[in-house]
Amino acid sequence: MNSSLTHAPTSTTLLCGLRDKSNQMVWGQFVARYRPTIVLFGLRAGLDGHESEDAAQHTMIAFAAAYAEGKYDRTRGRLRDWLFGMAANRIKKAFRQRRDREVHIVAASDTTGFFERVPGRSNLEDLWEQEWQAAVIRQCINEVKANFAERTMRAFELFALDGKPAREVATELGINENAVFLAKHKILKRIREVRPRIEEHW
């Protein structure tokens, strides 16, 4: 059983570890966990790949600085909300920087359309929630992998995640269709069992 999957550190554990500024391993784990979600958040909001990567990098830097200064108080809000605020600010800044670049090549009368393309706070909150939940599901899947045979897990991925027909999945993996449906049922059941804990500590 892969202990790195079944015993992934909680956000509390990571935050405690970050108190030691020299602990590069914990910082690497923190970035690996949350940076991809921020990148996807930026892409969903309308940034391009470079802008999203840049926004995620600056969010991580801003977080590290604020945390080192003791500005984060977990009793006053969840980590996900704190990260959202920082990431949303970086995304809005990226849009402003884009506007500043575009304003030199479009007529002044056309610039109003630019502001209509900048997501409002409520839209950003919805996008963030969607990406956060997607990250939780990915972690659930990573954790339950250790409890199932490789072929069972592959059947689930092809059928439930990739949307391939059960017959095609069965043929590809050399199993019957019932085994494909059973793989989906068993793994989804296990995901539902671990999800509350993952959501609480992610």
N, C-alpha and C. Protein backbone atom coordinates (compact mmCIF):
# COMPACT_ATOMS: atom_id res chain seq x y z
N MET A 1 0.85 -1.20 0.00
CA MET A 1 0.00 0.00 0.00
C MET A 1 0.88 1.24 0.00
N ASN A 2 0.56 2.19 -0.85
CA ASN A 2 1.36 3.40 -0.99
C ASN A 2 1.00 4.39 0.10
N SER A 3 1.89 4.55 1.12
CA SER A 3 1.59 5.41 2.25
C SER A 3 1.52 6.86 1.87
N SER A 4 2.20 7.27 0.81
CA SER A 4 2.16 8.67 0.39
C SER A 4 0.78 9.05 -0.10
N LEU A 5 0.00 8.06 -0.55
CA LEU A 5 -1.35 8.33 -1.02
C LEU A 5 -2.36 8.21 0.10
N THR A 6 -2.20 7.18 0.94
CA THR A 6 -3.20 6.93 1.96
C THR A 6 -3.00 7.82 3.18
N HIS A 7 -1.85 8.42 3.34
CA HIS A 7 -1.58 9.27 4.49
C HIS A 7 -1.05 10.62 4.04
N ALA A 8 -1.71 11.22 3.06
CA ALA A 8 -1.31 12.56 2.61
C ALA A 8 -1.46 13.53 3.76
N PRO A 9 -0.50 14.43 3.96
CA PRO A 9 -0.58 15.36 5.09
C PRO A 9 -1.79 16.27 5.00
N THR A 10 -2.38 16.59 6.15
CA THR A 10 -3.51 17.50 6.17
C THR A 10 -3.01 18.93 6.00
N SER A 11 -3.94 19.83 5.70
CA SER A 11 -3.54 21.24 5.58
C SER A 11 -2.99 21.75 6.90
N THR A 12 -3.53 21.27 8.02
CA THR A 12 -3.01 21.68 9.33
C THR A 12 -1.57 21.25 9.51
N THR A 13 -1.28 20.01 9.12
CA THR A 13 0.09 19.50 9.21
C THR A 13 1.04 20.33 8.37
N LEU A 14 0.61 20.65 7.14
CA LEU A 14 1.46 21.46 6.26
C LEU A 14 1.69 22.84 6.84
N LEU A 15 0.63 23.46 7.34
CA LEU A 15 0.76 24.81 7.90
C LEU A 15 1.68 24.82 9.11
N CYS A 16 1.59 23.80 9.94
CA CYS A 16 2.49 23.70 11.09
C CYS A 16 3.93 23.55 10.63
N GLY A 17 4.12 22.74 9.59
CA GLY A 17 5.48 22.55 9.07
C GLY A 17 6.05 23.81 8.46
N LEU A 18 5.20 24.65 7.91
CA LEU A 18 5.67 25.89 7.28
C LEU A 18 6.18 26.91 8.27
N ARG A 19 5.92 26.68 9.54
CA ARG A 19 6.46 27.59 10.56
C ARG A 19 7.98 27.55 10.58
N ASP A 20 8.52 26.41 10.14
CA ASP A 20 9.97 26.29 10.00
C ASP A 20 10.34 26.73 8.60
N LYS A 21 10.86 27.93 8.47
CA LYS A 21 11.14 28.51 7.16
C LYS A 21 12.16 27.71 6.36
N SER A 22 12.95 26.88 7.04
CA SER A 22 13.97 26.10 6.34
C SER A 22 13.45 24.76 5.84
N ASN A 23 12.19 24.46 6.13
CA ASN A 23 11.62 23.16 5.77
C ASN A 23 11.14 23.21 4.32
N GLN A 24 12.07 22.98 3.42
CA GLN A 24 11.75 23.04 1.99
C GLN A 24 10.85 21.88 1.55
N MET A 25 10.93 20.75 2.23
CA MET A 25 10.10 19.61 1.85
C MET A 25 8.61 19.94 2.06
N VAL A 26 8.29 20.54 3.20
CA VAL A 26 6.90 20.89 3.48
C VAL A 26 6.42 21.96 2.51
N TRP A 27 7.28 22.94 2.24
CA TRP A 27 6.89 23.98 1.29
C TRP A 27 6.62 23.37 -0.09
N GLY A 28 7.45 22.41 -0.49
CA GLY A 28 7.24 21.74 -1.77
C GLY A 28 5.92 20.99 -1.80
N GLN A 29 5.55 20.35 -0.68
CA GLN A 29 4.28 19.64 -0.60
C GLN A 29 3.11 20.61 -0.68
N PHE A 30 3.25 21.75 -0.02
CA PHE A 30 2.19 22.75 -0.03
C PHE A 30 1.96 23.27 -1.45
N VAL A 31 3.05 23.61 -2.13
CA VAL A 31 2.95 24.13 -3.50
C VAL A 31 2.38 23.06 -4.43
N ALA A 32 2.85 21.83 -4.30
CA ALA A 32 2.36 20.75 -5.16
C ALA A 32 0.87 20.51 -4.96
N ARG A 33 0.38 20.74 -3.77
CA ARG A 33 -1.04 20.51 -3.49
C ARG A 33 -1.91 21.63 -4.05
N TYR A 34 -1.54 22.89 -3.81
CA TYR A 34 -2.46 23.99 -4.09
C TYR A 34 -2.18 24.78 -5.37
N ARG A 35 -0.94 24.76 -5.85
CA ARG A 35 -0.63 25.54 -7.04
C ARG A 35 -1.40 25.08 -8.28
N PRO A 36 -1.52 23.76 -8.54
CA PRO A 36 -2.28 23.34 -9.73
C PRO A 36 -3.72 23.83 -9.73
N THR A 37 -4.34 23.86 -8.56
CA THR A 37 -5.73 24.34 -8.47
C THR A 37 -5.81 25.82 -8.85
N ILE A 38 -4.82 26.60 -8.43
CA ILE A 38 -4.81 28.03 -8.75
C ILE A 38 -4.56 28.24 -10.24
N VAL A 39 -3.70 27.42 -10.83
CA VAL A 39 -3.47 27.51 -12.27
C VAL A 39 -4.76 27.23 -13.03
N LEU A 40 -5.45 26.16 -12.67
CA LEU A 40 -6.71 25.82 -13.34
C LEU A 40 -7.77 26.89 -13.10
N PHE A 41 -7.77 27.46 -11.91
CA PHE A 41 -8.68 28.56 -11.58
C PHE A 41 -8.46 29.74 -12.53
N GLY A 42 -7.20 30.09 -12.76
CA GLY A 42 -6.88 31.18 -13.67
C GLY A 42 -7.32 30.89 -15.09
N LEU A 43 -7.11 29.67 -15.54
CA LEU A 43 -7.52 29.29 -16.89
C LEU A 43 -9.04 29.38 -17.04
N ARG A 44 -9.76 28.88 -16.02
CA ARG A 44 -11.22 28.94 -16.07
C ARG A 44 -11.73 30.37 -16.06
N ALA A 45 -10.98 31.26 -15.40
CA ALA A 45 -11.38 32.66 -15.32
C ALA A 45 -11.14 33.41 -16.62
N GLY A 46 -10.32 32.83 -17.51
CA GLY A 46 -10.08 33.47 -18.80
C GLY A 46 -8.65 33.86 -19.07
N LEU A 47 -7.74 33.55 -18.17
CA LEU A 47 -6.33 33.85 -18.41
C LEU A 47 -5.75 32.80 -19.36
N ASP A 48 -4.66 33.16 -20.03
CA ASP A 48 -3.97 32.16 -20.85
C ASP A 48 -3.00 31.37 -19.96
N GLY A 49 -2.33 30.40 -20.56
CA GLY A 49 -1.46 29.53 -19.77
C GLY A 49 -0.38 30.28 -19.03
N HIS A 50 0.31 31.19 -19.71
CA HIS A 50 1.38 31.95 -19.08
C HIS A 50 0.84 32.82 -17.95
N GLU A 51 -0.28 33.47 -18.19
CA GLU A 51 -0.87 34.35 -17.17
C GLU A 51 -1.30 33.55 -15.94
N SER A 52 -1.86 32.36 -16.18
CA SER A 52 -2.31 31.53 -15.07
C SER A 52 -1.15 31.01 -14.24
N GLU A 53 -0.09 30.57 -14.91
CA GLU A 53 1.10 30.12 -14.20
C GLU A 53 1.70 31.26 -13.38
N ASP A 54 1.74 32.44 -13.98
CA ASP A 54 2.29 33.61 -13.29
C ASP A 54 1.44 33.98 -12.08
N ALA A 55 0.12 33.95 -12.25
CA ALA A 55 -0.78 34.27 -11.14
C ALA A 55 -0.62 33.28 -9.99
N ALA A 56 -0.47 32.00 -10.34
CA ALA A 56 -0.30 30.98 -9.31
C ALA A 56 1.02 31.17 -8.57
N GLN A 57 2.07 31.48 -9.32
CA GLN A 57 3.38 31.69 -8.69
C GLN A 57 3.34 32.86 -7.72
N HIS A 58 2.73 33.97 -8.15
CA HIS A 58 2.66 35.15 -7.28
C HIS A 58 1.75 34.90 -6.08
N THR A 59 0.72 34.08 -6.26
CA THR A 59 -0.14 33.74 -5.14
C THR A 59 0.63 32.96 -4.09
N MET A 60 1.45 32.01 -4.52
CA MET A 60 2.24 31.23 -3.59
C MET A 60 3.25 32.11 -2.86
N ILE A 61 3.86 33.04 -3.57
CA ILE A 61 4.83 33.94 -2.96
C ILE A 61 4.14 34.84 -1.94
N ALA A 62 2.97 35.36 -2.31
CA ALA A 62 2.23 36.23 -1.40
C ALA A 62 1.80 35.46 -0.15
N PHE A 63 1.38 34.21 -0.36
CA PHE A 63 0.98 33.39 0.78
C PHE A 63 2.16 33.18 1.72
N ALA A 64 3.32 32.82 1.16
CA ALA A 64 4.49 32.54 1.99
C ALA A 64 4.87 33.77 2.82
N ALA A 65 4.84 34.94 2.19
CA ALA A 65 5.20 36.17 2.89
C ALA A 65 4.20 36.47 4.00
N ALA A 66 2.90 36.38 3.69
CA ALA A 66 1.87 36.68 4.68
C ALA A 66 1.90 35.68 5.83
N TYR A 67 2.12 34.41 5.51
CA TYR A 67 2.14 33.39 6.55
C TYR A 67 3.34 33.58 7.47
N ALA A 68 4.48 33.92 6.88
CA ALA A 68 5.69 34.15 7.67
C ALA A 68 5.50 35.33 8.63
N GLU A 69 4.68 36.28 8.23
CA GLU A 69 4.42 37.46 9.07
C GLU A 69 3.31 37.21 10.08
N GLY A 70 2.75 35.99 10.08
CA GLY A 70 1.72 35.65 11.04
C GLY A 70 0.36 36.24 10.75
N LYS A 71 0.10 36.55 9.47
CA LYS A 71 -1.17 37.19 9.12
C LYS A 71 -2.32 36.21 8.98
N TYR A 72 -2.00 34.93 8.81
CA TYR A 72 -3.08 33.95 8.65
C TYR A 72 -3.51 33.41 10.00
N ASP A 73 -4.77 33.58 10.33
CA ASP A 73 -5.35 33.07 11.57
C ASP A 73 -6.44 32.07 11.20
N ARG A 74 -6.17 30.80 11.39
CA ARG A 74 -7.11 29.77 10.95
C ARG A 74 -8.45 29.84 11.68
N THR A 75 -8.44 30.43 12.87
CA THR A 75 -9.70 30.52 13.61
C THR A 75 -10.64 31.56 12.99
N ARG A 76 -10.11 32.37 12.08
CA ARG A 76 -10.93 33.43 11.48
C ARG A 76 -11.30 33.13 10.03
N GLY A 77 -10.92 31.98 9.54
CA GLY A 77 -11.28 31.63 8.17
C GLY A 77 -10.52 30.42 7.68
N ARG A 78 -11.10 29.76 6.67
CA ARG A 78 -10.49 28.56 6.12
C ARG A 78 -9.35 28.92 5.18
N LEU A 79 -8.41 28.01 5.06
CA LEU A 79 -7.28 28.21 4.15
C LEU A 79 -7.77 28.43 2.73
N ARG A 80 -8.78 27.67 2.30
CA ARG A 80 -9.28 27.79 0.94
C ARG A 80 -9.80 29.19 0.65
N ASP A 81 -10.40 29.85 1.66
CA ASP A 81 -10.92 31.20 1.48
C ASP A 81 -9.78 32.21 1.39
N TRP A 82 -8.75 31.97 2.19
CA TRP A 82 -7.58 32.87 2.17
C TRP A 82 -6.88 32.77 0.81
N LEU A 83 -6.69 31.55 0.35
CA LEU A 83 -6.05 31.36 -0.95
C LEU A 83 -6.90 31.94 -2.07
N PHE A 84 -8.22 31.79 -1.95
CA PHE A 84 -9.10 32.37 -2.96
C PHE A 84 -8.90 33.87 -3.08
N GLY A 85 -8.88 34.56 -1.94
CA GLY A 85 -8.70 36.01 -1.97
C GLY A 85 -7.42 36.42 -2.65
N MET A 86 -6.33 35.73 -2.33
CA MET A 86 -5.04 36.05 -2.92
C MET A 86 -5.03 35.73 -4.42
N ALA A 87 -5.56 34.56 -4.78
CA ALA A 87 -5.57 34.16 -6.19
C ALA A 87 -6.46 35.08 -7.01
N ALA A 88 -7.63 35.44 -6.47
CA ALA A 88 -8.55 36.32 -7.19
C ALA A 88 -7.91 37.69 -7.43
N ASN A 89 -7.18 38.18 -6.45
CA ASN A 89 -6.50 39.47 -6.63
C ASN A 89 -5.45 39.40 -7.73
N ARG A 90 -4.72 38.29 -7.78
CA ARG A 90 -3.70 38.13 -8.82
C ARG A 90 -4.34 38.01 -10.20
N ILE A 91 -5.46 37.31 -10.28
CA ILE A 91 -6.15 37.16 -11.56
C ILE A 91 -6.67 38.51 -12.05
N LYS A 92 -7.25 39.28 -11.15
CA LYS A 92 -7.73 40.61 -11.53
C LYS A 92 -6.57 41.50 -11.97
N LYS A 93 -5.44 41.37 -11.30
CA LYS A 93 -4.27 42.15 -11.70
C LYS A 93 -3.81 41.74 -13.09
N ALA A 94 -3.86 40.44 -13.38
CA ALA A 94 -3.47 39.96 -14.71
C ALA A 94 -4.38 40.53 -15.78
N PHE A 95 -5.66 40.63 -15.49
CA PHE A 95 -6.58 41.25 -16.45
C PHE A 95 -6.28 42.73 -16.63
N ARG A 96 -5.93 43.41 -15.55
CA ARG A 96 -5.58 44.83 -15.68
C ARG A 96 -4.33 45.01 -16.52
N GLN A 97 -3.36 44.12 -16.32
CA GLN A 97 -2.13 44.19 -17.11
C GLN A 97 -2.42 43.91 -18.58
N ARG A 98 -3.32 42.98 -18.83
CA ARG A 98 -3.71 42.70 -20.20
C ARG A 98 -4.40 43.91 -20.81
N ARG A 99 -5.27 44.53 -20.03
CA ARG A 99 -5.96 45.73 -20.51
C ARG A 99 -4.96 46.81 -20.88
N ASP A 100 -3.95 47.00 -20.02
CA ASP A 100 -2.95 48.04 -20.28
C ASP A 100 -2.19 47.77 -21.58
N ARG A 101 -1.97 46.47 -21.87
CA ARG A 101 -1.30 46.12 -23.11
C ARG A 101 -2.22 46.35 -24.30
N GLU A 102 -3.48 45.95 -24.15
CA GLU A 102 -4.43 46.03 -25.26
C GLU A 102 -4.84 47.46 -25.58
N VAL A 103 -4.82 48.32 -24.58
CA VAL A 103 -5.31 49.67 -24.80
C VAL A 103 -4.46 50.43 -25.81
N HIS A 104 -3.24 49.96 -26.01
CA HIS A 104 -2.36 50.62 -26.97
C HIS A 104 -2.65 50.21 -28.41
N ILE A 105 -3.44 49.14 -28.57
CA ILE A 105 -3.65 48.66 -29.94
C ILE A 105 -5.13 48.65 -30.34
N VAL A 106 -5.99 49.12 -29.44
CA VAL A 106 -7.40 49.23 -29.79
C VAL A 106 -7.86 50.66 -29.60
N ALA A 107 -8.89 51.02 -30.30
CA ALA A 107 -9.43 52.37 -30.16
C ALA A 107 -10.04 52.53 -28.79
N ALA A 108 -10.03 53.75 -28.29
CA ALA A 108 -10.54 54.03 -26.95
C ALA A 108 -11.99 53.60 -26.82
N SER A 109 -12.76 53.70 -27.87
CA SER A 109 -14.19 53.35 -27.82
C SER A 109 -14.41 51.85 -27.65
N ASP A 110 -13.37 51.05 -27.90
CA ASP A 110 -13.51 49.60 -27.80
C ASP A 110 -13.11 49.06 -26.43
N THR A 111 -12.47 49.87 -25.60
CA THR A 111 -11.92 49.37 -24.35
C THR A 111 -12.99 48.99 -23.35
N THR A 112 -14.21 49.53 -23.49
CA THR A 112 -15.26 49.17 -22.53
C THR A 112 -15.58 47.69 -22.60
N GLY A 113 -15.45 47.10 -23.76
CA GLY A 113 -15.71 45.67 -23.89
C GLY A 113 -14.75 44.83 -23.07
N PHE A 114 -13.56 45.36 -22.83
CA PHE A 114 -12.58 44.63 -22.05
C PHE A 114 -13.09 44.39 -20.64
N PHE A 115 -13.65 45.42 -20.02
CA PHE A 115 -14.10 45.29 -18.64
C PHE A 115 -15.23 44.29 -18.52
N GLU A 116 -16.02 44.13 -19.57
CA GLU A 116 -17.09 43.16 -19.55
C GLU A 116 -16.56 41.73 -19.53
N ARG A 117 -15.31 41.55 -19.96
CA ARG A 117 -14.72 40.21 -20.00
C ARG A 117 -14.06 39.83 -18.68
N VAL A 118 -13.89 40.79 -17.76
CA VAL A 118 -13.26 40.50 -16.47
C VAL A 118 -14.30 39.88 -15.54
N PRO A 119 -14.06 38.66 -15.04
CA PRO A 119 -15.05 38.00 -14.17
C PRO A 119 -15.31 38.80 -12.90
N GLY A 120 -16.57 38.87 -12.49
CA GLY A 120 -16.91 39.51 -11.23
C GLY A 120 -16.58 38.59 -10.07
N ARG A 121 -16.66 39.11 -8.85
CA ARG A 121 -16.28 38.33 -7.68
C ARG A 121 -17.14 37.08 -7.54
N SER A 122 -18.46 37.21 -7.75
CA SER A 122 -19.33 36.05 -7.58
C SER A 122 -18.99 34.94 -8.57
N ASN A 123 -18.65 35.34 -9.80
CA ASN A 123 -18.27 34.35 -10.80
C ASN A 123 -16.95 33.69 -10.42
N LEU A 124 -16.01 34.49 -9.94
CA LEU A 124 -14.73 33.94 -9.50
C LEU A 124 -14.93 32.98 -8.33
N GLU A 125 -15.81 33.32 -7.42
CA GLU A 125 -16.07 32.43 -6.29
C GLU A 125 -16.63 31.09 -6.76
N ASP A 126 -17.53 31.14 -7.75
CA ASP A 126 -18.09 29.90 -8.29
C ASP A 126 -17.02 29.04 -8.95
N LEU A 127 -16.15 29.69 -9.73
CA LEU A 127 -15.09 28.97 -10.41
C LEU A 127 -14.11 28.36 -9.40
N TRP A 128 -13.79 29.12 -8.37
CA TRP A 128 -12.88 28.63 -7.34
C TRP A 128 -13.46 27.41 -6.63
N GLU A 129 -14.75 27.48 -6.28
CA GLU A 129 -15.40 26.36 -5.61
C GLU A 129 -15.37 25.11 -6.49
N GLN A 130 -15.61 25.29 -7.78
CA GLN A 130 -15.59 24.16 -8.70
C GLN A 130 -14.21 23.53 -8.77
N GLU A 131 -13.17 24.36 -8.86
CA GLU A 131 -11.81 23.84 -8.95
C GLU A 131 -11.39 23.20 -7.64
N TRP A 132 -11.81 23.79 -6.52
CA TRP A 132 -11.46 23.22 -5.22
C TRP A 132 -12.07 21.84 -5.06
N GLN A 133 -13.35 21.71 -5.42
CA GLN A 133 -14.02 20.41 -5.31
C GLN A 133 -13.39 19.39 -6.25
N ALA A 134 -12.98 19.85 -7.43
CA ALA A 134 -12.31 18.94 -8.37
C ALA A 134 -11.00 18.45 -7.78
N ALA A 135 -10.28 19.34 -7.07
CA ALA A 135 -9.02 18.94 -6.43
C ALA A 135 -9.27 17.93 -5.33
N VAL A 136 -10.35 18.12 -4.59
CA VAL A 136 -10.71 17.17 -3.53
C VAL A 136 -11.00 15.79 -4.13
N ILE A 137 -11.75 15.77 -5.23
CA ILE A 137 -12.07 14.50 -5.88
C ILE A 137 -10.79 13.82 -6.38
N ARG A 138 -9.88 14.61 -6.97
CA ARG A 138 -8.62 14.01 -7.44
C ARG A 138 -7.85 13.38 -6.28
N GLN A 139 -7.85 14.04 -5.13
CA GLN A 139 -7.16 13.47 -3.98
C GLN A 139 -7.87 12.21 -3.48
N CYS A 140 -9.20 12.23 -3.51
CA CYS A 140 -9.95 11.02 -3.13
C CYS A 140 -9.56 9.85 -4.02
N ILE A 141 -9.49 10.10 -5.32
CA ILE A 141 -9.13 9.05 -6.27
C ILE A 141 -7.72 8.55 -5.99
N ASN A 142 -6.80 9.47 -5.74
CA ASN A 142 -5.42 9.07 -5.43
C ASN A 142 -5.38 8.19 -4.19
N GLU A 143 -6.20 8.53 -3.21
CA GLU A 143 -6.17 7.77 -1.96
C GLU A 143 -6.76 6.37 -2.14
N VAL A 144 -7.88 6.26 -2.85
CA VAL A 144 -8.53 4.95 -2.95
C VAL A 144 -7.80 4.00 -3.89
N LYS A 145 -6.89 4.53 -4.70
CA LYS A 145 -6.15 3.67 -5.62
C LYS A 145 -5.47 2.52 -4.89
N ALA A 146 -5.01 2.80 -3.68
CA ALA A 146 -4.28 1.79 -2.94
C ALA A 146 -5.15 0.61 -2.53
N ASN A 147 -6.47 0.78 -2.61
CA ASN A 147 -7.40 -0.27 -2.16
C ASN A 147 -7.91 -1.15 -3.29
N PHE A 148 -7.49 -0.89 -4.52
CA PHE A 148 -8.04 -1.63 -5.65
C PHE A 148 -6.93 -2.11 -6.57
N ALA A 149 -7.21 -3.19 -7.26
CA ALA A 149 -6.27 -3.71 -8.25
C ALA A 149 -6.11 -2.71 -9.38
N GLU A 150 -4.95 -2.75 -10.01
CA GLU A 150 -4.65 -1.78 -11.07
C GLU A 150 -5.68 -1.84 -12.20
N ARG A 151 -6.09 -3.03 -12.60
CA ARG A 151 -7.05 -3.15 -13.71
C ARG A 151 -8.43 -2.63 -13.31
N THR A 152 -8.81 -2.84 -12.06
CA THR A 152 -10.09 -2.31 -11.57
C THR A 152 -10.07 -0.79 -11.61
N MET A 153 -8.97 -0.22 -11.17
CA MET A 153 -8.84 1.24 -11.16
C MET A 153 -8.85 1.78 -12.57
N ARG A 154 -8.20 1.07 -13.48
CA ARG A 154 -8.15 1.52 -14.87
C ARG A 154 -9.53 1.46 -15.51
N ALA A 155 -10.31 0.45 -15.17
CA ALA A 155 -11.67 0.33 -15.68
C ALA A 155 -12.50 1.53 -15.22
N PHE A 156 -12.33 1.90 -13.96
CA PHE A 156 -13.05 3.06 -13.42
C PHE A 156 -12.66 4.33 -14.15
N GLU A 157 -11.37 4.53 -14.36
CA GLU A 157 -10.88 5.75 -15.01
C GLU A 157 -11.41 5.87 -16.44
N LEU A 158 -11.34 4.76 -17.18
CA LEU A 158 -11.78 4.79 -18.57
C LEU A 158 -13.29 4.98 -18.67
N PHE A 159 -14.03 4.32 -17.81
CA PHE A 159 -15.49 4.34 -17.89
C PHE A 159 -16.10 5.56 -17.20
N ALA A 160 -15.73 5.79 -15.95
CA ALA A 160 -16.35 6.86 -15.17
C ALA A 160 -15.74 8.23 -15.44
N LEU A 161 -14.44 8.29 -15.68
CA LEU A 161 -13.78 9.58 -15.86
C LEU A 161 -13.65 9.99 -17.32
N ASP A 162 -13.24 9.04 -18.16
CA ASP A 162 -13.04 9.36 -19.58
C ASP A 162 -14.31 9.20 -20.40
N GLY A 163 -15.32 8.53 -19.85
CA GLY A 163 -16.59 8.39 -20.56
C GLY A 163 -16.62 7.37 -21.67
N LYS A 164 -15.69 6.43 -21.66
CA LYS A 164 -15.70 5.39 -22.69
C LYS A 164 -16.85 4.41 -22.44
N PRO A 165 -17.46 3.88 -23.48
CA PRO A 165 -18.52 2.89 -23.30
C PRO A 165 -17.99 1.65 -22.57
N ALA A 166 -18.85 1.04 -21.75
CA ALA A 166 -18.44 -0.11 -20.95
C ALA A 166 -17.92 -1.25 -21.83
N ARG A 167 -18.55 -1.42 -22.99
CA ARG A 167 -18.13 -2.51 -23.89
C ARG A 167 -16.69 -2.30 -24.37
N GLU A 168 -16.36 -1.05 -24.72
CA GLU A 168 -15.00 -0.76 -25.18
C GLU A 168 -13.99 -0.96 -24.05
N VAL A 169 -14.35 -0.53 -22.86
CA VAL A 169 -13.45 -0.68 -21.72
C VAL A 169 -13.22 -2.17 -21.43
N ALA A 170 -14.29 -2.93 -21.47
CA ALA A 170 -14.18 -4.37 -21.20
C ALA A 170 -13.26 -5.05 -22.22
N THR A 171 -13.43 -4.69 -23.50
CA THR A 171 -12.60 -5.28 -24.55
C THR A 171 -11.14 -4.89 -24.37
N GLU A 172 -10.91 -3.62 -24.07
CA GLU A 172 -9.54 -3.12 -23.91
C GLU A 172 -8.82 -3.79 -22.75
N LEU A 173 -9.54 -4.05 -21.67
CA LEU A 173 -8.91 -4.58 -20.47
C LEU A 173 -9.04 -6.10 -20.34
N GLY A 174 -9.79 -6.72 -21.25
CA GLY A 174 -9.94 -8.16 -21.19
C GLY A 174 -10.82 -8.64 -20.05
N ILE A 175 -11.86 -7.88 -19.75
CA ILE A 175 -12.80 -8.26 -18.70
C ILE A 175 -14.21 -8.18 -19.27
N ASN A 176 -15.21 -8.59 -18.50
CA ASN A 176 -16.58 -8.48 -18.99
C ASN A 176 -17.19 -7.14 -18.58
N GLU A 177 -18.30 -6.79 -19.21
CA GLU A 177 -18.91 -5.49 -18.96
C GLU A 177 -19.37 -5.35 -17.52
N ASN A 178 -19.85 -6.43 -16.93
CA ASN A 178 -20.31 -6.36 -15.55
C ASN A 178 -19.18 -5.95 -14.61
N ALA A 179 -17.97 -6.40 -14.92
CA ALA A 179 -16.81 -6.04 -14.10
C ALA A 179 -16.54 -4.53 -14.19
N VAL A 180 -16.80 -3.95 -15.34
CA VAL A 180 -16.61 -2.51 -15.52
C VAL A 180 -17.59 -1.74 -14.64
N PHE A 181 -18.87 -2.14 -14.70
CA PHE A 181 -19.88 -1.48 -13.87
C PHE A 181 -19.60 -1.67 -12.39
N LEU A 182 -19.13 -2.85 -12.05
CA LEU A 182 -18.83 -3.16 -10.65
C LEU A 182 -17.65 -2.31 -10.16
N ALA A 183 -16.66 -2.12 -11.03
CA ALA A 183 -15.50 -1.29 -10.66
C ALA A 183 -15.95 0.14 -10.34
N LYS A 184 -16.83 0.67 -11.19
CA LYS A 184 -17.34 2.01 -10.96
C LYS A 184 -18.09 2.08 -9.64
N HIS A 185 -18.95 1.12 -9.40
CA HIS A 185 -19.77 1.11 -8.18
C HIS A 185 -18.89 1.05 -6.93
N LYS A 186 -17.93 0.15 -6.91
CA LYS A 186 -17.08 -0.04 -5.73
C LYS A 186 -16.22 1.19 -5.46
N ILE A 187 -15.64 1.75 -6.52
CA ILE A 187 -14.73 2.87 -6.32
C ILE A 187 -15.48 4.14 -5.94
N LEU A 188 -16.63 4.37 -6.56
CA LEU A 188 -17.44 5.54 -6.18
C LEU A 188 -17.90 5.42 -4.73
N LYS A 189 -18.25 4.22 -4.30
CA LYS A 189 -18.65 4.02 -2.92
C LYS A 189 -17.51 4.37 -1.98
N ARG A 190 -16.31 3.94 -2.32
CA ARG A 190 -15.14 4.24 -1.47
C ARG A 190 -14.82 5.74 -1.48
N ILE A 191 -14.97 6.37 -2.63
CA ILE A 191 -14.74 7.81 -2.72
C ILE A 191 -15.71 8.57 -1.82
N ARG A 192 -16.98 8.15 -1.83
CA ARG A 192 -17.98 8.80 -0.97
C ARG A 192 -17.63 8.63 0.51
N GLU A 193 -16.98 7.54 0.84
CA GLU A 193 -16.60 7.29 2.24
C GLU A 193 -15.46 8.18 2.69
N VAL A 194 -14.47 8.39 1.81
CA VAL A 194 -13.30 9.17 2.22
C VAL A 194 -13.46 10.66 1.98
N ARG A 195 -14.43 11.06 1.14
CA ARG A 195 -14.55 12.47 0.77
C ARG A 195 -14.77 13.41 1.94
N PRO A 196 -15.66 13.10 2.91
CA PRO A 196 -15.84 14.05 4.02
C PRO A 196 -14.54 14.37 4.75
N ARG A 197 -13.71 13.35 4.97
CA ARG A 197 -12.44 13.58 5.66
C ARG A 197 -11.49 14.42 4.79
N ILE A 198 -11.42 14.11 3.50
CA ILE A 198 -10.55 14.86 2.61
C ILE A 198 -10.99 16.31 2.56
N GLU A 199 -12.29 16.54 2.42
CA GLU A 199 -12.80 17.91 2.35
C GLU A 199 -12.48 18.69 3.61
N GLU A 200 -12.56 18.03 4.74
CA GLU A 200 -12.32 18.72 6.01
C GLU A 200 -10.86 19.13 6.17
N HIS A 201 -9.97 18.30 5.67
CA HIS A 201 -8.54 18.53 5.94
C HIS A 201 -7.74 18.97 4.71
N TRP A 202 -8.39 19.10 3.56
CA TRP A 202 -7.63 19.43 2.35
C TRP A 202 -7.13 20.88 2.38
